[in-house]
Amino acid sequence: MSKKEKTFDLCAESDRLILRPLEEEDYKNWLTEFKARKPSHHRHDEGKRDMSICSENWFVNLVKKHQQLALTDESHIFAVFRKKDGKHLGMVDFSTLERNDFQWGRIGYMIHNQHWKNGYGHESVKLAVDLAFNELKFHRIEAHINTDNEASIRLAKSVGMSYECTRKGFIYEFGGWTDNLIYYMNSNTKESI
């Protein structure tokens, strides 16, 4: 399989979900679900977003950017779709932190808040982790989580990630340098779960 095929054709499925890169044809579905978001539930939920700049041309460029990031192995970004009706539920992404002797990546995940409490986060992250280890060949995956983001902590634990440490002043957000909890999983620990 060529690098391009491996990058653009990666897909995973469960009984309820499909995980794959965005395609240009996803625009209306993607936009509809972003527009359907409910107001924010807490500070880690962006809630409703201003989608006024998100024209179809803008989206085509976003898809191309995702493809380029995957080709250069900087990021691998997957959309989450519900099988029964094709609705766009959210996104899961991997950023490559280091290859060579480390094979180390960071995972991020987001489910639109109108679809919370259905197990889609857990199911999509499990699918993504399998892709990360089996197809993208990461050995170690980390989730960097704000110390007060209880939902993200529960999700990381539910897929078998373990708490490793707290990195002090790790990321600049909310107007200052904030601490992050580091949850991790590696290909050795994944096999035992």
C-alpha atoms as a PDB file:
ATOM      1  CA  MET A   1       0.000   0.000   0.000  1.00  0.00           C
ATOM      2  CA  SER A   2       1.439   3.384  -0.959  1.00  0.00           C
ATOM      3  CA  LYS A   3       1.811   6.177   1.590  1.00  0.00           C
ATOM      4  CA  LYS A   4      -0.972   8.134  -0.145  1.00  0.00           C
ATOM      5  CA  GLU A   5      -3.388   5.180  -0.072  1.00  0.00           C
ATOM      6  CA  LYS A   6      -2.529   4.435   3.543  1.00  0.00           C
ATOM      7  CA  THR A   7      -3.026   8.066   4.498  1.00  0.00           C
ATOM      8  CA  PHE A   8      -6.267   8.807   2.671  1.00  0.00           C
ATOM      9  CA  ASP A   9      -8.004   5.454   2.772  1.00  0.00           C
ATOM     10  CA  LEU A  10      -7.694   4.693   6.464  1.00  0.00           C
ATOM     11  CA  CYS A  11     -11.084   3.784   7.810  1.00  0.00           C
ATOM     12  CA  ALA A  12     -12.429   1.918  10.802  1.00  0.00           C
ATOM     13  CA  GLU A  13     -15.927   0.697  11.562  1.00  0.00           C
ATOM     14  CA  SER A  14     -17.860  -0.570  14.534  1.00  0.00           C
ATOM     15  CA  ASP A  15     -21.488  -1.665  14.680  1.00  0.00           C
ATOM     16  CA  ARG A  16     -22.608   1.967  14.963  1.00  0.00           C
ATOM     17  CA  LEU A  17     -19.778   4.178  13.688  1.00  0.00           C
ATOM     18  CA  ILE A  18     -17.487   4.870  10.755  1.00  0.00           C
ATOM     19  CA  LEU A  19     -14.198   6.670  11.308  1.00  0.00           C
ATOM     20  CA  ARG A  20     -12.500   8.131   8.209  1.00  0.00           C
ATOM     21  CA  PRO A  21     -10.885  11.301   6.846  1.00  0.00           C
ATOM     22  CA  LEU A  22     -13.239  14.063   5.728  1.00  0.00           C
ATOM     23  CA  GLU A  23     -14.115  14.190   2.029  1.00  0.00           C
ATOM     24  CA  GLU A  24     -15.359  17.170   0.008  1.00  0.00           C
ATOM     25  CA  GLU A  25     -18.817  15.545  -0.229  1.00  0.00           C
ATOM     26  CA  ASP A  26     -19.160  15.723   3.594  1.00  0.00           C
ATOM     27  CA  TYR A  27     -19.596  19.505   3.606  1.00  0.00           C
ATOM     28  CA  LYS A  28     -23.367  19.808   4.130  1.00  0.00           C
ATOM     29  CA  ASN A  29     -23.465  17.056   6.755  1.00  0.00           C
ATOM     30  CA  TRP A  30     -20.440  18.497   8.569  1.00  0.00           C
ATOM     31  CA  LEU A  31     -21.881  22.032   8.549  1.00  0.00           C
ATOM     32  CA  THR A  32     -25.361  20.903   9.629  1.00  0.00           C
ATOM     33  CA  GLU A  33     -24.009  19.131  12.705  1.00  0.00           C
ATOM     34  CA  PHE A  34     -21.753  22.026  13.700  1.00  0.00           C
ATOM     35  CA  LYS A  35     -24.725  24.394  13.376  1.00  0.00           C
ATOM     36  CA  ALA A  36     -26.870  22.036  15.493  1.00  0.00           C
ATOM     37  CA  ARG A  37     -24.523  22.238  18.474  1.00  0.00           C
ATOM     38  CA  LYS A  38     -26.140  23.250  21.759  1.00  0.00           C
ATOM     39  CA  PRO A  39     -24.865  26.079  23.974  1.00  0.00           C
ATOM     40  CA  SER A  40     -21.739  25.284  25.968  1.00  0.00           C
ATOM     41  CA  HIS A  41     -22.149  22.995  28.989  1.00  0.00           C
ATOM     42  CA  HIS A  42     -18.788  23.901  30.573  1.00  0.00           C
ATOM     43  CA  ARG A  43     -15.547  25.676  29.713  1.00  0.00           C
ATOM     44  CA  HIS A  44     -14.142  22.704  27.776  1.00  0.00           C
ATOM     45  CA  ASP A  45     -17.200  22.549  25.522  1.00  0.00           C
ATOM     46  CA  GLU A  46     -17.064  25.179  22.781  1.00  0.00           C
ATOM     47  CA  GLY A  47     -20.833  24.902  22.323  1.00  0.00           C
ATOM     48  CA  LYS A  48     -22.263  26.850  19.413  1.00  0.00           C
ATOM     49  CA  ARG A  49     -19.661  28.195  16.990  1.00  0.00           C
ATOM     50  CA  ASP A  50     -19.700  30.974  14.435  1.00  0.00           C
ATOM     51  CA  MET A  51     -19.734  29.036  11.162  1.00  0.00           C
ATOM     52  CA  SER A  52     -20.104  32.074   8.889  1.00  0.00           C
ATOM     53  CA  ILE A  53     -16.651  31.658   7.314  1.00  0.00           C
ATOM     54  CA  CYS A  54     -17.221  27.966   6.569  1.00  0.00           C
ATOM     55  CA  SER A  55     -18.207  28.153   2.905  1.00  0.00           C
ATOM     56  CA  GLU A  56     -17.995  25.106   0.684  1.00  0.00           C
ATOM     57  CA  ASN A  57     -14.746  26.454  -0.797  1.00  0.00           C
ATOM     58  CA  TRP A  58     -13.353  26.922   2.730  1.00  0.00           C
ATOM     59  CA  PHE A  59     -14.280  23.300   3.509  1.00  0.00           C
ATOM     60  CA  VAL A  60     -12.578  21.996   0.336  1.00  0.00           C
ATOM     61  CA  ASN A  61      -9.409  23.744   1.488  1.00  0.00           C
ATOM     62  CA  LEU A  62      -9.813  22.210   4.962  1.00  0.00           C
ATOM     63  CA  VAL A  63     -10.032  18.718   3.435  1.00  0.00           C
ATOM     64  CA  LYS A  64      -6.891  19.410   1.376  1.00  0.00           C
ATOM     65  CA  LYS A  65      -5.095  20.696   4.471  1.00  0.00           C
ATOM     66  CA  HIS A  66      -6.022  17.519   6.387  1.00  0.00           C
ATOM     67  CA  GLN A  67      -4.696  15.434   3.488  1.00  0.00           C
ATOM     68  CA  GLN A  68      -1.423  17.377   3.412  1.00  0.00           C
ATOM     69  CA  LEU A  69      -0.972  17.021   7.183  1.00  0.00           C
ATOM     70  CA  ALA A  70      -1.498  13.272   6.836  1.00  0.00           C
ATOM     71  CA  LEU A  71       0.941  12.981   3.921  1.00  0.00           C
ATOM     72  CA  THR A  72       3.640  14.705   5.970  1.00  0.00           C
ATOM     73  CA  ASP A  73       2.701  12.632   9.045  1.00  0.00           C
ATOM     74  CA  GLU A  74       2.125  15.787  11.118  1.00  0.00           C
ATOM     75  CA  SER A  75      -1.507  14.960  11.922  1.00  0.00           C
ATOM     76  CA  HIS A  76      -4.050  12.302  11.040  1.00  0.00           C
ATOM     77  CA  ILE A  77      -7.578  13.669  11.380  1.00  0.00           C
ATOM     78  CA  PHE A  78     -10.644  11.436  11.288  1.00  0.00           C
ATOM     79  CA  ALA A  79     -14.307  12.340  11.157  1.00  0.00           C
ATOM     80  CA  VAL A  80     -16.781  10.242  13.125  1.00  0.00           C
ATOM     81  CA  PHE A  81     -20.015   9.296  11.338  1.00  0.00           C
ATOM     82  CA  ARG A  82     -23.037   7.356  12.577  1.00  0.00           C
ATOM     83  CA  LYS A  83     -23.663   4.350  10.309  1.00  0.00           C
ATOM     84  CA  LYS A  84     -27.455   4.305  10.405  1.00  0.00           C
ATOM     85  CA  ASP A  85     -27.938   7.825   8.999  1.00  0.00           C
ATOM     86  CA  GLY A  86     -24.445   9.082   8.115  1.00  0.00           C
ATOM     87  CA  LYS A  87     -24.572  12.005  10.573  1.00  0.00           C
ATOM     88  CA  HIS A  88     -21.261  13.661  11.388  1.00  0.00           C
ATOM     89  CA  LEU A  89     -20.786  13.160  15.151  1.00  0.00           C
ATOM     90  CA  GLY A  90     -17.336  14.624  15.767  1.00  0.00           C
ATOM     91  CA  MET A  91     -13.614  14.247  15.157  1.00  0.00           C
ATOM     92  CA  VAL A  92     -10.639  12.279  16.459  1.00  0.00           C
ATOM     93  CA  ASP A  93      -7.086  13.291  15.589  1.00  0.00           C
ATOM     94  CA  PHE A  94      -3.511  12.202  16.137  1.00  0.00           C
ATOM     95  CA  SER A  95      -0.569  14.598  16.111  1.00  0.00           C
ATOM     96  CA  THR A  96       2.825  13.041  15.567  1.00  0.00           C
ATOM     97  CA  LEU A  97       5.098  14.142  18.410  1.00  0.00           C
ATOM     98  CA  GLU A  98       8.143  12.047  17.437  1.00  0.00           C
ATOM     99  CA  ARG A  99       8.847   9.113  15.145  1.00  0.00           C
ATOM    100  CA  ASN A 100      12.254   7.362  14.922  1.00  0.00           C
ATOM    101  CA  ASP A 101      12.943   5.500  18.180  1.00  0.00           C
ATOM    102  CA  PHE A 102       9.779   6.819  19.877  1.00  0.00           C
ATOM    103  CA  GLN A 103       6.756   6.383  17.524  1.00  0.00           C
ATOM    104  CA  TRP A 104       4.912   8.792  19.798  1.00  0.00           C
ATOM    105  CA  GLY A 105       1.638  10.627  19.157  1.00  0.00           C
ATOM    106  CA  ARG A 106      -0.991  12.742  20.871  1.00  0.00           C
ATOM    107  CA  ILE A 107      -4.708  12.019  20.579  1.00  0.00           C
ATOM    108  CA  GLY A 108      -7.477  14.599  20.583  1.00  0.00           C
ATOM    109  CA  TYR A 109     -11.213  13.957  20.424  1.00  0.00           C
ATOM    110  CA  MET A 110     -14.451  15.887  20.153  1.00  0.00           C
ATOM    111  CA  ILE A 111     -18.067  14.772  19.875  1.00  0.00           C
ATOM    112  CA  HIS A 112     -20.699  17.412  19.064  1.00  0.00           C
ATOM    113  CA  ASN A 113     -22.528  18.131  22.305  1.00  0.00           C
ATOM    114  CA  GLN A 114     -25.953  17.308  20.822  1.00  0.00           C
ATOM    115  CA  HIS A 115     -24.718  13.700  20.567  1.00  0.00           C
ATOM    116  CA  TRP A 116     -23.299  13.326  24.080  1.00  0.00           C
ATOM    117  CA  LYS A 117     -24.360  10.542  26.450  1.00  0.00           C
ATOM    118  CA  ASN A 118     -24.610   7.908  23.687  1.00  0.00           C
ATOM    119  CA  GLY A 119     -21.186   6.268  24.044  1.00  0.00           C
ATOM    120  CA  TYR A 120     -19.942   7.718  20.740  1.00  0.00           C
ATOM    121  CA  GLY A 121     -16.833   9.207  22.326  1.00  0.00           C
ATOM    122  CA  HIS A 122     -15.739   5.903  23.833  1.00  0.00           C
ATOM    123  CA  GLU A 123     -16.537   3.947  20.674  1.00  0.00           C
ATOM    124  CA  SER A 124     -14.806   6.375  18.300  1.00  0.00           C
ATOM    125  CA  VAL A 125     -11.672   6.685  20.438  1.00  0.00           C
ATOM    126  CA  LYS A 126     -11.407   2.871  20.691  1.00  0.00           C
ATOM    127  CA  LEU A 127     -11.578   2.657  16.878  1.00  0.00           C
ATOM    128  CA  ALA A 128      -9.020   5.454  16.541  1.00  0.00           C
ATOM    129  CA  VAL A 129      -6.589   3.850  18.985  1.00  0.00           C
ATOM    130  CA  ASP A 130      -6.682   0.639  16.942  1.00  0.00           C
ATOM    131  CA  LEU A 131      -5.879   2.659  13.803  1.00  0.00           C
ATOM    132  CA  ALA A 132      -3.068   4.463  15.608  1.00  0.00           C
ATOM    133  CA  PHE A 133      -1.320   1.279  16.695  1.00  0.00           C
ATOM    134  CA  ASN A 134      -2.108  -1.018  13.757  1.00  0.00           C
ATOM    135  CA  GLU A 135      -2.030   1.337  10.757  1.00  0.00           C
ATOM    136  CA  LEU A 136      -0.195   4.514  11.793  1.00  0.00           C
ATOM    137  CA  LYS A 137       2.337   2.420  13.740  1.00  0.00           C
ATOM    138  CA  PHE A 138       2.503   4.583  16.848  1.00  0.00           C
ATOM    139  CA  HIS A 139       3.949   2.851  19.895  1.00  0.00           C
ATOM    140  CA  ARG A 140       2.813   5.438  22.460  1.00  0.00           C
ATOM    141  CA  ILE A 141      -0.269   7.670  22.495  1.00  0.00           C
ATOM    142  CA  GLU A 142      -0.870  10.457  24.996  1.00  0.00           C
ATOM    143  CA  ALA A 143      -3.964  12.481  25.833  1.00  0.00           C
ATOM    144  CA  HIS A 144      -3.202  15.944  27.260  1.00  0.00           C
ATOM    145  CA  ILE A 145      -6.186  16.848  29.442  1.00  0.00           C
ATOM    146  CA  ASN A 146      -7.055  19.912  31.514  1.00  0.00           C
ATOM    147  CA  THR A 147      -7.131  19.034  35.197  1.00  0.00           C
ATOM    148  CA  ASP A 148     -10.829  19.942  35.499  1.00  0.00           C
ATOM    149  CA  ASN A 149     -12.053  18.225  32.312  1.00  0.00           C
ATOM    150  CA  GLU A 150     -13.838  15.331  34.006  1.00  0.00           C
ATOM    151  CA  ALA A 151     -15.551  14.067  30.833  1.00  0.00           C
ATOM    152  CA  SER A 152     -12.256  13.775  28.949  1.00  0.00           C
ATOM    153  CA  ILE A 153     -10.587  12.079  31.916  1.00  0.00           C
ATOM    154  CA  ARG A 154     -13.423   9.515  32.102  1.00  0.00           C
ATOM    155  CA  LEU A 155     -13.155   8.868  28.371  1.00  0.00           C
ATOM    156  CA  ALA A 156      -9.376   8.358  28.490  1.00  0.00           C
ATOM    157  CA  LYS A 157      -9.766   5.894  31.379  1.00  0.00           C
ATOM    158  CA  SER A 158     -12.644   4.073  29.663  1.00  0.00           C
ATOM    159  CA  VAL A 159     -10.502   3.180  26.641  1.00  0.00           C
ATOM    160  CA  GLY A 160      -7.667   1.882  28.831  1.00  0.00           C
ATOM    161  CA  MET A 161      -5.388   4.908  29.096  1.00  0.00           C
ATOM    162  CA  SER A 162      -3.470   5.320  32.357  1.00  0.00           C
ATOM    163  CA  TYR A 163      -2.603   8.463  34.283  1.00  0.00           C
ATOM    164  CA  GLU A 164       1.124   9.143  34.067  1.00  0.00           C
ATOM    165  CA  CYS A 165       1.777  12.633  35.410  1.00  0.00           C
ATOM    166  CA  THR A 166       0.718  16.252  35.606  1.00  0.00           C
ATOM    167  CA  ARG A 167       2.716  18.601  33.398  1.00  0.00           C
ATOM    168  CA  LYS A 168       2.829  21.993  35.098  1.00  0.00           C
ATOM    169  CA  GLY A 169       2.259  25.121  33.032  1.00  0.00           C
ATOM    170  CA  PHE A 170       2.063  22.912  29.956  1.00  0.00           C
ATOM    171  CA  ILE A 171      -0.180  24.852  27.553  1.00  0.00           C
ATOM    172  CA  TYR A 172      -1.142  28.485  27.155  1.00  0.00           C
ATOM    173  CA  GLU A 173      -4.938  28.765  27.207  1.00  0.00           C
ATOM    174  CA  PHE A 174      -7.723  30.544  29.108  1.00  0.00           C
ATOM    175  CA  GLY A 175      -5.379  33.529  29.493  1.00  0.00           C
ATOM    176  CA  GLY A 176      -2.458  31.724  31.137  1.00  0.00           C
ATOM    177  CA  TRP A 177      -0.204  28.680  31.315  1.00  0.00           C
ATOM    178  CA  THR A 178      -2.291  25.745  32.519  1.00  0.00           C
ATOM    179  CA  ASP A 179      -1.474  22.314  33.881  1.00  0.00           C
ATOM    180  CA  ASN A 180      -2.392  19.182  31.917  1.00  0.00           C
ATOM    181  CA  LEU A 181      -2.910  15.638  33.068  1.00  0.00           C
ATOM    182  CA  ILE A 182      -1.095  13.138  30.872  1.00  0.00           C
ATOM    183  CA  TYR A 183      -2.896   9.885  30.170  1.00  0.00           C
ATOM    184  CA  TYR A 184      -1.124   7.354  27.967  1.00  0.00           C
ATOM    185  CA  MET A 185      -1.316   3.993  26.322  1.00  0.00           C
ATOM    186  CA  ASN A 186       1.340   2.136  24.402  1.00  0.00           C
ATOM    187  CA  SER A 187       1.219  -0.803  22.057  1.00  0.00           C
ATOM    188  CA  ASN A 188       2.405  -3.130  24.848  1.00  0.00           C
ATOM    189  CA  THR A 189      -0.311  -2.077  27.320  1.00  0.00           C
ATOM    190  CA  LYS A 190      -2.983  -2.043  24.581  1.00  0.00           C
ATOM    191  CA  GLU A 191      -2.524  -5.752  24.032  1.00  0.00           C
ATOM    192  CA  SER A 192      -3.340  -6.542  27.670  1.00  0.00           C
ATOM    193  CA  ILE A 193      -6.612  -4.582  27.747  1.00  0.00           C
END
